[in-house]
Amino acid sequence: MGGEKQAISTFGEQVIYNPSRSDVSNLEPCSHEKADTRMLLHAADGVNQGFREIVARSVDTGVVVLSVAAALQFQSAELWLALVLEEV
């Protein structure tokens, strides 16, 4: 997928995406209530779509733990995670 990028988000159970895709059946309807599991659902979908580099950004350390477990399943892709630390 040389250089191609996609932006995909969920709003309730609806999937919003650009550029348009013909099949979002892996994502919609999205019934995950927590953002961390939704993020990993999107990452898995990206790998299934052929993307080899997935970047996620979060302030939740729980996402780091889940991402490490998920990355072990993404043998053909790299999962990059930016943990944003808040000032105290």
PDB file of N, CA and C in Angstrom:
ATOM      1  N   MET A   1       0.826  -1.182   0.000  1.00  0.00           N
ATOM      2  CA  MET A   1       0.000   0.000   0.000  1.00  0.00           C
ATOM      3  C   MET A   1       0.873   1.250   0.000  1.00  0.00           C
ATOM      4  N   GLY A   2       1.990   1.223  -0.591  1.00  0.00           N
ATOM      5  CA  GLY A   2       2.993   2.263  -0.608  1.00  0.00           C
ATOM      6  C   GLY A   2       2.517   3.687  -0.427  1.00  0.00           C
ATOM      7  N   GLY A   3       2.637   4.223   0.782  1.00  0.00           N
ATOM      8  CA  GLY A   3       2.349   5.615   1.030  1.00  0.00           C
ATOM      9  C   GLY A   3       0.897   5.971   1.236  1.00  0.00           C
ATOM     10  N   GLU A   4      -0.007   5.054   0.996  1.00  0.00           N
ATOM     11  CA  GLU A   4      -1.433   5.349   1.166  1.00  0.00           C
ATOM     12  C   GLU A   4      -1.772   5.391   2.646  1.00  0.00           C
ATOM     13  N   LYS A   5      -2.594   6.362   3.016  1.00  0.00           N
ATOM     14  CA  LYS A   5      -3.030   6.498   4.405  1.00  0.00           C
ATOM     15  C   LYS A   5      -4.544   6.486   4.442  1.00  0.00           C
ATOM     16  N   GLN A   6      -5.093   6.038   5.548  1.00  0.00           N
ATOM     17  CA  GLN A   6      -6.540   6.061   5.741  1.00  0.00           C
ATOM     18  C   GLN A   6      -6.836   6.661   7.101  1.00  0.00           C
ATOM     19  N   ALA A   7      -7.930   7.380   7.182  1.00  0.00           N
ATOM     20  CA  ALA A   7      -8.445   7.876   8.452  1.00  0.00           C
ATOM     21  C   ALA A   7      -9.804   7.221   8.654  1.00  0.00           C
ATOM     22  N   ILE A   8      -9.933   6.497   9.753  1.00  0.00           N
ATOM     23  CA  ILE A   8     -11.176   5.786  10.039  1.00  0.00           C
ATOM     24  C   ILE A   8     -11.530   6.056  11.495  1.00  0.00           C
ATOM     25  N   SER A   9     -12.795   6.344  11.742  1.00  0.00           N
ATOM     26  CA  SER A   9     -13.256   6.615  13.092  1.00  0.00           C
ATOM     27  C   SER A   9     -14.638   6.004  13.273  1.00  0.00           C
ATOM     28  N   THR A  10     -15.052   5.913  14.504  1.00  0.00           N
ATOM     29  CA  THR A  10     -16.409   5.453  14.781  1.00  0.00           C
ATOM     30  C   THR A  10     -17.153   6.539  15.535  1.00  0.00           C
ATOM     31  N   PHE A  11     -18.421   6.621  15.263  1.00  0.00           N
ATOM     32  CA  PHE A  11     -19.319   7.548  15.940  1.00  0.00           C
ATOM     33  C   PHE A  11     -20.535   6.722  16.320  1.00  0.00           C
ATOM     34  N   GLY A  12     -20.628   6.373  17.617  1.00  0.00           N
ATOM     35  CA  GLY A  12     -21.649   5.407  18.016  1.00  0.00           C
ATOM     36  C   GLY A  12     -21.321   4.075  17.376  1.00  0.00           C
ATOM     37  N   GLU A  13     -22.272   3.494  16.671  1.00  0.00           N
ATOM     38  CA  GLU A  13     -22.032   2.239  15.972  1.00  0.00           C
ATOM     39  C   GLU A  13     -21.672   2.458  14.509  1.00  0.00           C
ATOM     40  N   GLN A  14     -21.666   3.718  14.060  1.00  0.00           N
ATOM     41  CA  GLN A  14     -21.404   4.044  12.660  1.00  0.00           C
ATOM     42  C   GLN A  14     -19.908   4.228  12.422  1.00  0.00           C
ATOM     43  N   VAL A  15     -19.441   3.800  11.251  1.00  0.00           N
ATOM     44  CA  VAL A  15     -18.047   3.976  10.866  1.00  0.00           C
ATOM     45  C   VAL A  15     -17.940   5.137   9.883  1.00  0.00           C
ATOM     46  N   ILE A  16     -17.010   6.049  10.158  1.00  0.00           N
ATOM     47  CA  ILE A  16     -16.767   7.202   9.296  1.00  0.00           C
ATOM     48  C   ILE A  16     -15.346   7.031   8.754  1.00  0.00           C
ATOM     49  N   TYR A  17     -15.190   7.139   7.436  1.00  0.00           N
ATOM     50  CA  TYR A  17     -13.883   6.854   6.855  1.00  0.00           C
ATOM     51  C   TYR A  17     -13.615   7.708   5.632  1.00  0.00           C
ATOM     52  N   ASN A  18     -12.303   7.893   5.375  1.00  0.00           N
ATOM     53  CA  ASN A  18     -11.832   8.637   4.218  1.00  0.00           C
ATOM     54  C   ASN A  18     -10.474   8.066   3.835  1.00  0.00           C
ATOM     55  N   PRO A  19     -10.154   7.694   2.655  1.00  0.00           N
ATOM     56  CA  PRO A  19     -11.030   7.664   1.493  1.00  0.00           C
ATOM     57  C   PRO A  19     -12.060   6.548   1.645  1.00  0.00           C
ATOM     58  N   SER A  20     -13.097   6.636   0.872  1.00  0.00           N
ATOM     59  CA  SER A  20     -14.183   5.676   1.032  1.00  0.00           C
ATOM     60  C   SER A  20     -13.718   4.260   0.722  1.00  0.00           C
ATOM     61  N   ARG A  21     -14.239   3.340   1.475  1.00  0.00           N
ATOM     62  CA  ARG A  21     -13.959   1.918   1.292  1.00  0.00           C
ATOM     63  C   ARG A  21     -15.253   1.230   0.918  1.00  0.00           C
ATOM     64  N   SER A  22     -15.124   0.159   0.190  1.00  0.00           N
ATOM     65  CA  SER A  22     -16.326  -0.560  -0.209  1.00  0.00           C
ATOM     66  C   SER A  22     -16.796  -1.519   0.870  1.00  0.00           C
ATOM     67  N   ASP A  23     -15.913  -1.904   1.804  1.00  0.00           N
ATOM     68  CA  ASP A  23     -16.284  -2.895   2.812  1.00  0.00           C
ATOM     69  C   ASP A  23     -15.759  -2.490   4.188  1.00  0.00           C
ATOM     70  N   VAL A  24     -16.664  -2.201   5.096  1.00  0.00           N
ATOM     71  CA  VAL A  24     -16.290  -1.917   6.484  1.00  0.00           C
ATOM     72  C   VAL A  24     -16.962  -2.909   7.430  1.00  0.00           C
ATOM     73  N   SER A  25     -17.254  -4.092   6.907  1.00  0.00           N
ATOM     74  CA  SER A  25     -17.997  -5.090   7.689  1.00  0.00           C
ATOM     75  C   SER A  25     -17.232  -5.560   8.927  1.00  0.00           C
ATOM     76  N   ASN A  26     -15.891  -5.445   8.928  1.00  0.00           N
ATOM     77  CA  ASN A  26     -15.116  -5.808  10.123  1.00  0.00           C
ATOM     78  C   ASN A  26     -15.284  -4.790  11.245  1.00  0.00           C
ATOM     79  N   LEU A  27     -15.774  -3.595  10.895  1.00  0.00           N
ATOM     80  CA  LEU A  27     -15.874  -2.511  11.875  1.00  0.00           C
ATOM     81  C   LEU A  27     -17.308  -2.142  12.243  1.00  0.00           C
ATOM     82  N   GLU A  28     -18.234  -2.313  11.342  1.00  0.00           N
ATOM     83  CA  GLU A  28     -19.584  -1.797  11.545  1.00  0.00           C
ATOM     84  C   GLU A  28     -20.602  -2.922  11.618  1.00  0.00           C
ATOM     85  N   PRO A  29     -21.516  -2.897  12.547  1.00  0.00           N
ATOM     86  CA  PRO A  29     -21.662  -1.883  13.595  1.00  0.00           C
ATOM     87  C   PRO A  29     -20.629  -2.102  14.694  1.00  0.00           C
ATOM     88  N   CYS A  30     -20.132  -1.038  15.256  1.00  0.00           N
ATOM     89  CA  CYS A  30     -19.120  -1.100  16.310  1.00  0.00           C
ATOM     90  C   CYS A  30     -19.820  -1.015  17.665  1.00  0.00           C
ATOM     91  N   SER A  31     -19.791  -2.105  18.384  1.00  0.00           N
ATOM     92  CA  SER A  31     -20.489  -2.144  19.675  1.00  0.00           C
ATOM     93  C   SER A  31     -19.525  -2.051  20.859  1.00  0.00           C
ATOM     94  N   HIS A  32     -18.247  -1.808  20.603  1.00  0.00           N
ATOM     95  CA  HIS A  32     -17.285  -1.658  21.694  1.00  0.00           C
ATOM     96  C   HIS A  32     -17.545  -0.335  22.406  1.00  0.00           C
ATOM     97  N   GLU A  33     -17.729  -0.415  23.715  1.00  0.00           N
ATOM     98  CA  GLU A  33     -18.033   0.794  24.478  1.00  0.00           C
ATOM     99  C   GLU A  33     -16.771   1.542  24.893  1.00  0.00           C
ATOM    100  N   LYS A  34     -15.679   0.827  25.081  1.00  0.00           N
ATOM    101  CA  LYS A  34     -14.444   1.462  25.556  1.00  0.00           C
ATOM    102  C   LYS A  34     -13.548   1.816  24.380  1.00  0.00           C
ATOM    103  N   ALA A  35     -12.926   2.979  24.468  1.00  0.00           N
ATOM    104  CA  ALA A  35     -12.079   3.481  23.384  1.00  0.00           C
ATOM    105  C   ALA A  35     -10.871   2.589  23.142  1.00  0.00           C
ATOM    106  N   ASP A  36     -10.306   2.000  24.214  1.00  0.00           N
ATOM    107  CA  ASP A  36      -9.103   1.190  24.024  1.00  0.00           C
ATOM    108  C   ASP A  36      -9.368  -0.035  23.154  1.00  0.00           C
ATOM    109  N   THR A  37     -10.498  -0.692  23.347  1.00  0.00           N
ATOM    110  CA  THR A  37     -10.801  -1.857  22.508  1.00  0.00           C
ATOM    111  C   THR A  37     -11.197  -1.435  21.097  1.00  0.00           C
ATOM    112  N   ARG A  38     -11.824  -0.270  20.966  1.00  0.00           N
ATOM    113  CA  ARG A  38     -12.133   0.243  19.622  1.00  0.00           C
ATOM    114  C   ARG A  38     -10.844   0.517  18.860  1.00  0.00           C
ATOM    115  N   MET A  39      -9.833   1.092  19.531  1.00  0.00           N
ATOM    116  CA  MET A  39      -8.558   1.385  18.884  1.00  0.00           C
ATOM    117  C   MET A  39      -7.928   0.118  18.321  1.00  0.00           C
ATOM    118  N   LEU A  40      -7.956  -0.942  19.114  1.00  0.00           N
ATOM    119  CA  LEU A  40      -7.330  -2.183  18.662  1.00  0.00           C
ATOM    120  C   LEU A  40      -8.154  -2.866  17.578  1.00  0.00           C
ATOM    121  N   LEU A  41      -9.451  -2.672  17.598  1.00  0.00           N
ATOM    122  CA  LEU A  41     -10.297  -3.167  16.510  1.00  0.00           C
ATOM    123  C   LEU A  41      -9.903  -2.483  15.205  1.00  0.00           C
ATOM    124  N   HIS A  42      -9.674  -1.175  15.261  1.00  0.00           N
ATOM    125  CA  HIS A  42      -9.241  -0.418  14.085  1.00  0.00           C
ATOM    126  C   HIS A  42      -7.853  -0.870  13.631  1.00  0.00           C
ATOM    127  N   ALA A  43      -6.953  -1.129  14.580  1.00  0.00           N
ATOM    128  CA  ALA A  43      -5.603  -1.584  14.228  1.00  0.00           C
ATOM    129  C   ALA A  43      -5.667  -2.933  13.516  1.00  0.00           C
ATOM    130  N   ALA A  44      -6.457  -3.857  14.042  1.00  0.00           N
ATOM    131  CA  ALA A  44      -6.605  -5.177  13.414  1.00  0.00           C
ATOM    132  C   ALA A  44      -7.201  -5.053  12.018  1.00  0.00           C
ATOM    133  N   ASP A  45      -8.153  -4.161  11.864  1.00  0.00           N
ATOM    134  CA  ASP A  45      -8.742  -3.936  10.548  1.00  0.00           C
ATOM    135  C   ASP A  45      -7.695  -3.402   9.580  1.00  0.00           C
ATOM    136  N   GLY A  46      -6.866  -2.488  10.031  1.00  0.00           N
ATOM    137  CA  GLY A  46      -5.808  -1.948   9.176  1.00  0.00           C
ATOM    138  C   GLY A  46      -4.858  -3.034   8.701  1.00  0.00           C
ATOM    139  N   VAL A  47      -4.476  -3.928   9.611  1.00  0.00           N
ATOM    140  CA  VAL A  47      -3.602  -5.045   9.239  1.00  0.00           C
ATOM    141  C   VAL A  47      -4.311  -5.934   8.219  1.00  0.00           C
ATOM    142  N   ASN A  48      -5.595  -6.212   8.445  1.00  0.00           N
ATOM    143  CA  ASN A  48      -6.367  -7.031   7.503  1.00  0.00           C
ATOM    144  C   ASN A  48      -6.498  -6.366   6.140  1.00  0.00           C
ATOM    145  N   GLN A  49      -6.444  -5.034   6.106  1.00  0.00           N
ATOM    146  CA  GLN A  49      -6.533  -4.298   4.844  1.00  0.00           C
ATOM    147  C   GLN A  49      -5.184  -4.204   4.138  1.00  0.00           C
ATOM    148  N   GLY A  50      -4.131  -4.721   4.769  1.00  0.00           N
ATOM    149  CA  GLY A  50      -2.824  -4.739   4.126  1.00  0.00           C
ATOM    150  C   GLY A  50      -1.864  -3.666   4.592  1.00  0.00           C
ATOM    151  N   PHE A  51      -2.253  -2.843   5.548  1.00  0.00           N
ATOM    152  CA  PHE A  51      -1.345  -1.830   6.066  1.00  0.00           C
ATOM    153  C   PHE A  51      -0.298  -2.508   6.942  1.00  0.00           C
ATOM    154  N   ARG A  52       0.937  -2.058   6.843  1.00  0.00           N
ATOM    155  CA  ARG A  52       2.043  -2.687   7.573  1.00  0.00           C
ATOM    156  C   ARG A  52       2.550  -1.833   8.721  1.00  0.00           C
ATOM    157  N   GLU A  53       2.116  -0.584   8.800  1.00  0.00           N
ATOM    158  CA  GLU A  53       2.480   0.293   9.912  1.00  0.00           C
ATOM    159  C   GLU A  53       1.213   0.927  10.460  1.00  0.00           C
ATOM    160  N   ILE A  54       0.936   0.667  11.716  1.00  0.00           N
ATOM    161  CA  ILE A  54      -0.252   1.195  12.387  1.00  0.00           C
ATOM    162  C   ILE A  54       0.237   2.117  13.504  1.00  0.00           C
ATOM    163  N   VAL A  55      -0.304   3.339  13.560  1.00  0.00           N
ATOM    164  CA  VAL A  55       0.081   4.300  14.588  1.00  0.00           C
ATOM    165  C   VAL A  55      -1.144   4.630  15.422  1.00  0.00           C
ATOM    166  N   ALA A  56      -1.000   4.530  16.743  1.00  0.00           N
ATOM    167  CA  ALA A  56      -2.092   4.872  17.660  1.00  0.00           C
ATOM    168  C   ALA A  56      -1.552   5.855  18.691  1.00  0.00           C
ATOM    169  N   ARG A  57      -2.429   6.693  19.210  1.00  0.00           N
ATOM    170  CA  ARG A  57      -2.040   7.704  20.203  1.00  0.00           C
ATOM    171  C   ARG A  57      -3.037   7.654  21.350  1.00  0.00           C
ATOM    172  N   SER A  58      -2.547   7.656  22.577  1.00  0.00           N
ATOM    173  CA  SER A  58      -3.445   7.554  23.722  1.00  0.00           C
ATOM    174  C   SER A  58      -2.810   8.177  24.962  1.00  0.00           C
ATOM    175  N   VAL A  59      -3.651   8.511  25.935  1.00  0.00           N
ATOM    176  CA  VAL A  59      -3.185   8.957  27.251  1.00  0.00           C
ATOM    177  C   VAL A  59      -3.401   7.865  28.294  1.00  0.00           C
ATOM    178  N   ASP A  60      -3.907   6.729  27.854  1.00  0.00           N
ATOM    179  CA  ASP A  60      -4.282   5.633  28.750  1.00  0.00           C
ATOM    180  C   ASP A  60      -3.208   4.552  28.762  1.00  0.00           C
ATOM    181  N   THR A  61      -2.609   4.308  29.930  1.00  0.00           N
ATOM    182  CA  THR A  61      -1.568   3.282  30.024  1.00  0.00           C
ATOM    183  C   THR A  61      -2.142   1.881  29.777  1.00  0.00           C
ATOM    184  N   GLY A  62      -3.423   1.698  29.989  1.00  0.00           N
ATOM    185  CA  GLY A  62      -4.054   0.411  29.697  1.00  0.00           C
ATOM    186  C   GLY A  62      -3.977   0.072  28.215  1.00  0.00           C
ATOM    187  N   VAL A  63      -3.989   1.091  27.385  1.00  0.00           N
ATOM    188  CA  VAL A  63      -3.872   0.882  25.941  1.00  0.00           C
ATOM    189  C   VAL A  63      -2.496   0.307  25.616  1.00  0.00           C
ATOM    190  N   VAL A  64      -1.466   0.714  26.360  1.00  0.00           N
ATOM    191  CA  VAL A  64      -0.126   0.181  26.138  1.00  0.00           C
ATOM    192  C   VAL A  64      -0.128  -1.326  26.365  1.00  0.00           C
ATOM    193  N   VAL A  65      -0.709  -1.773  27.445  1.00  0.00           N
ATOM    194  CA  VAL A  65      -0.747  -3.201  27.760  1.00  0.00           C
ATOM    195  C   VAL A  65      -1.511  -3.966  26.687  1.00  0.00           C
ATOM    196  N   LEU A  66      -2.683  -3.475  26.311  1.00  0.00           N
ATOM    197  CA  LEU A  66      -3.470  -4.139  25.279  1.00  0.00           C
ATOM    198  C   LEU A  66      -2.746  -4.124  23.930  1.00  0.00           C
ATOM    199  N   SER A  67      -2.032  -3.034  23.642  1.00  0.00           N
ATOM    200  CA  SER A  67      -1.319  -2.915  22.370  1.00  0.00           C
ATOM    201  C   SER A  67      -0.177  -3.913  22.265  1.00  0.00           C
ATOM    202  N   VAL A  68       0.521  -4.142  23.365  1.00  0.00           N
ATOM    203  CA  VAL A  68       1.606  -5.132  23.354  1.00  0.00           C
ATOM    204  C   VAL A  68       1.037  -6.511  23.020  1.00  0.00           C
ATOM    205  N   ALA A  69      -0.074  -6.861  23.643  1.00  0.00           N
ATOM    206  CA  ALA A  69      -0.706  -8.159  23.357  1.00  0.00           C
ATOM    207  C   ALA A  69      -1.182  -8.226  21.911  1.00  0.00           C
ATOM    208  N   ALA A  70      -1.757  -7.148  21.409  1.00  0.00           N
ATOM    209  CA  ALA A  70      -2.262  -7.120  20.036  1.00  0.00           C
ATOM    210  C   ALA A  70      -1.110  -7.185  19.032  1.00  0.00           C
ATOM    211  N   ALA A  71      -0.012  -6.483  19.325  1.00  0.00           N
ATOM    212  CA  ALA A  71       1.121  -6.446  18.401  1.00  0.00           C
ATOM    213  C   ALA A  71       1.697  -7.836  18.179  1.00  0.00           C
ATOM    214  N   LEU A  72       1.611  -8.700  19.170  1.00  0.00           N
ATOM    215  CA  LEU A  72       2.094 -10.068  19.007  1.00  0.00           C
ATOM    216  C   LEU A  72       1.277 -10.821  17.956  1.00  0.00           C
ATOM    217  N   GLN A  73       0.027 -10.424  17.773  1.00  0.00           N
ATOM    218  CA  GLN A  73      -0.837 -11.047  16.773  1.00  0.00           C
ATOM    219  C   GLN A  73      -0.608 -10.466  15.377  1.00  0.00           C
ATOM    220  N   PHE A  74      -0.073  -9.256  15.300  1.00  0.00           N
ATOM    221  CA  PHE A  74       0.159  -8.576  14.030  1.00  0.00           C
ATOM    222  C   PHE A  74       1.558  -8.913  13.520  1.00  0.00           C
ATOM    223  N   GLN A  75       1.809 -10.150  13.205  1.00  0.00           N
ATOM    224  CA  GLN A  75       3.150 -10.598  12.846  1.00  0.00           C
ATOM    225  C   GLN A  75       3.688  -9.936  11.582  1.00  0.00           C
ATOM    226  N   SER A  76       2.817  -9.504  10.702  1.00  0.00           N
ATOM    227  CA  SER A  76       3.282  -8.922   9.441  1.00  0.00           C
ATOM    228  C   SER A  76       3.212  -7.389   9.456  1.00  0.00           C
ATOM    229  N   ALA A  77       2.965  -6.796  10.628  1.00  0.00           N
ATOM    230  CA  ALA A  77       2.817  -5.340  10.692  1.00  0.00           C
ATOM    231  C   ALA A  77       3.482  -4.807  11.960  1.00  0.00           C
ATOM    232  N   GLU A  78       3.772  -3.507  11.939  1.00  0.00           N
ATOM    233  CA  GLU A  78       4.325  -2.818  13.103  1.00  0.00           C
ATOM    234  C   GLU A  78       3.236  -1.963  13.728  1.00  0.00           C
ATOM    235  N   LEU A  79       3.109  -2.041  15.030  1.00  0.00           N
ATOM    236  CA  LEU A  79       2.159  -1.203  15.759  1.00  0.00           C
ATOM    237  C   LEU A  79       2.955  -0.207  16.581  1.00  0.00           C
ATOM    238  N   TRP A  80       2.818   1.079  16.254  1.00  0.00           N
ATOM    239  CA  TRP A  80       3.499   2.158  16.954  1.00  0.00           C
ATOM    240  C   TRP A  80       2.486   2.839  17.867  1.00  0.00           C
ATOM    241  N   LEU A  81       2.891   3.092  19.098  1.00  0.00           N
ATOM    242  CA  LEU A  81       1.987   3.713  20.061  1.00  0.00           C
ATOM    243  C   LEU A  81       2.662   4.926  20.674  1.00  0.00           C
ATOM    244  N   ALA A  82       1.982   6.056  20.619  1.00  0.00           N
ATOM    245  CA  ALA A  82       2.453   7.278  21.256  1.00  0.00           C
ATOM    246  C   ALA A  82       1.660   7.464  22.544  1.00  0.00           C
ATOM    247  N   LEU A  83       2.310   7.353  23.661  1.00  0.00           N
ATOM    248  CA  LEU A  83       1.666   7.569  24.950  1.00  0.00           C
ATOM    249  C   LEU A  83       1.876   9.028  25.330  1.00  0.00           C
ATOM    250  N   VAL A  84       0.784   9.769  25.465  1.00  0.00           N
ATOM    251  CA  VAL A  84       0.848  11.185  25.778  1.00  0.00           C
ATOM    252  C   VAL A  84       0.707  11.355  27.287  1.00  0.00           C
ATOM    253  N   LEU A  85       1.750  11.873  27.901  1.00  0.00           N
ATOM    254  CA  LEU A  85       1.743  12.064  29.347  1.00  0.00           C
ATOM    255  C   LEU A  85       1.206  13.432  29.685  1.00  0.00           C
ATOM    256  N   GLU A  86       0.365  13.476  30.695  1.00  0.00           N
ATOM    257  CA  GLU A  86      -0.238  14.737  31.124  1.00  0.00           C
ATOM    258  C   GLU A  86       0.589  15.342  32.247  1.00  0.00           C
ATOM    259  N   GLU A  87       0.650  16.668  32.269  1.00  0.00           N
ATOM    260  CA  GLU A  87       1.341  17.343  33.370  1.00  0.00           C
ATOM    261  C   GLU A  87       0.505  17.267  34.636  1.00  0.00           C
ATOM    262  N   VAL A  88       1.188  17.147  35.771  1.00  0.00           N
ATOM    263  CA  VAL A  88       0.481  17.116  37.046  1.00  0.00           C
ATOM    264  C   VAL A  88       0.732  18.356  37.832  1.00  0.00           C
TER     265      VAL A  88
END
